[in-house]
Amino acid sequence: MRKPIRSTLEELINENKKELLNDPSAIEKIEEKLDDRKAKEVYVSDSQEKE
């Protein structure tokens, strides 16, 4: 029995990038998550400065 061919981490990352670039809805979800995360960071840093 042959061993399955293993992909390197770099190959897997490149495959994922290609898939994401061809999927506009996935890109939109990622952008929303990044926007939310950035908004939370700004909110947290603003409230810490006020204290």
Protein backbone atom coordinates (compact mmCIF):
# COMPACT_ATOMS: atom_id res chain seq x y z
CA MET A 1 0.00 0.00 0.00
CA ARG A 2 1.31 3.42 -0.93
CA LYS A 3 1.53 6.27 1.52
CA PRO A 4 -0.66 9.24 0.68
CA ILE A 5 1.24 12.22 -0.63
CA ARG A 6 1.50 14.89 2.04
CA SER A 7 1.31 18.53 1.12
CA THR A 8 3.62 20.98 2.77
CA LEU A 9 2.19 23.76 4.90
CA GLU A 10 3.14 26.29 2.24
CA GLU A 11 1.25 24.33 -0.44
CA LEU A 12 -1.85 24.14 1.76
CA ILE A 13 -1.69 27.87 2.46
CA ASN A 14 -1.39 28.66 -1.23
CA GLU A 15 -4.36 26.41 -2.04
CA ASN A 16 -6.46 28.18 0.60
CA LYS A 17 -5.46 31.58 -0.75
CA LYS A 18 -6.52 30.59 -4.28
CA GLU A 19 -9.86 29.30 -3.01
CA LEU A 20 -10.50 32.47 -1.01
CA LEU A 21 -9.61 34.74 -3.90
CA ASN A 22 -12.26 32.97 -5.99
CA ASP A 23 -14.93 33.25 -3.27
CA PRO A 24 -16.13 36.85 -2.79
CA SER A 25 -18.52 35.94 0.05
CA ALA A 26 -15.67 34.41 2.05
CA ILE A 27 -13.57 37.53 1.54
CA GLU A 28 -16.47 39.67 2.72
CA LYS A 29 -16.87 37.57 5.90
CA ILE A 30 -13.16 37.89 6.66
CA GLU A 31 -13.28 41.66 6.13
CA GLU A 32 -16.27 41.96 8.49
CA LYS A 33 -14.45 39.95 11.18
CA LEU A 34 -11.36 42.14 10.81
CA ASP A 35 -13.47 45.31 11.01
CA ASP A 36 -15.22 44.03 14.15
CA ARG A 37 -11.92 43.08 15.76
CA LYS A 38 -10.40 46.48 14.95
CA ALA A 39 -13.47 48.28 16.30
CA LYS A 40 -13.19 46.34 19.57
CA GLU A 41 -9.48 47.17 19.84
CA VAL A 42 -10.21 50.87 19.38
CA TYR A 43 -13.06 50.74 21.91
CA VAL A 44 -10.91 48.94 24.48
CA SER A 45 -7.96 51.29 24.06
CA ASP A 46 -10.27 54.36 24.25
CA SER A 47 -11.87 53.15 27.49
CA GLN A 48 -8.49 52.37 29.03
CA GLU A 49 -7.25 55.87 28.24
CA LYS A 50 -10.27 57.43 29.99
CA GLU A 51 -9.53 55.58 33.26
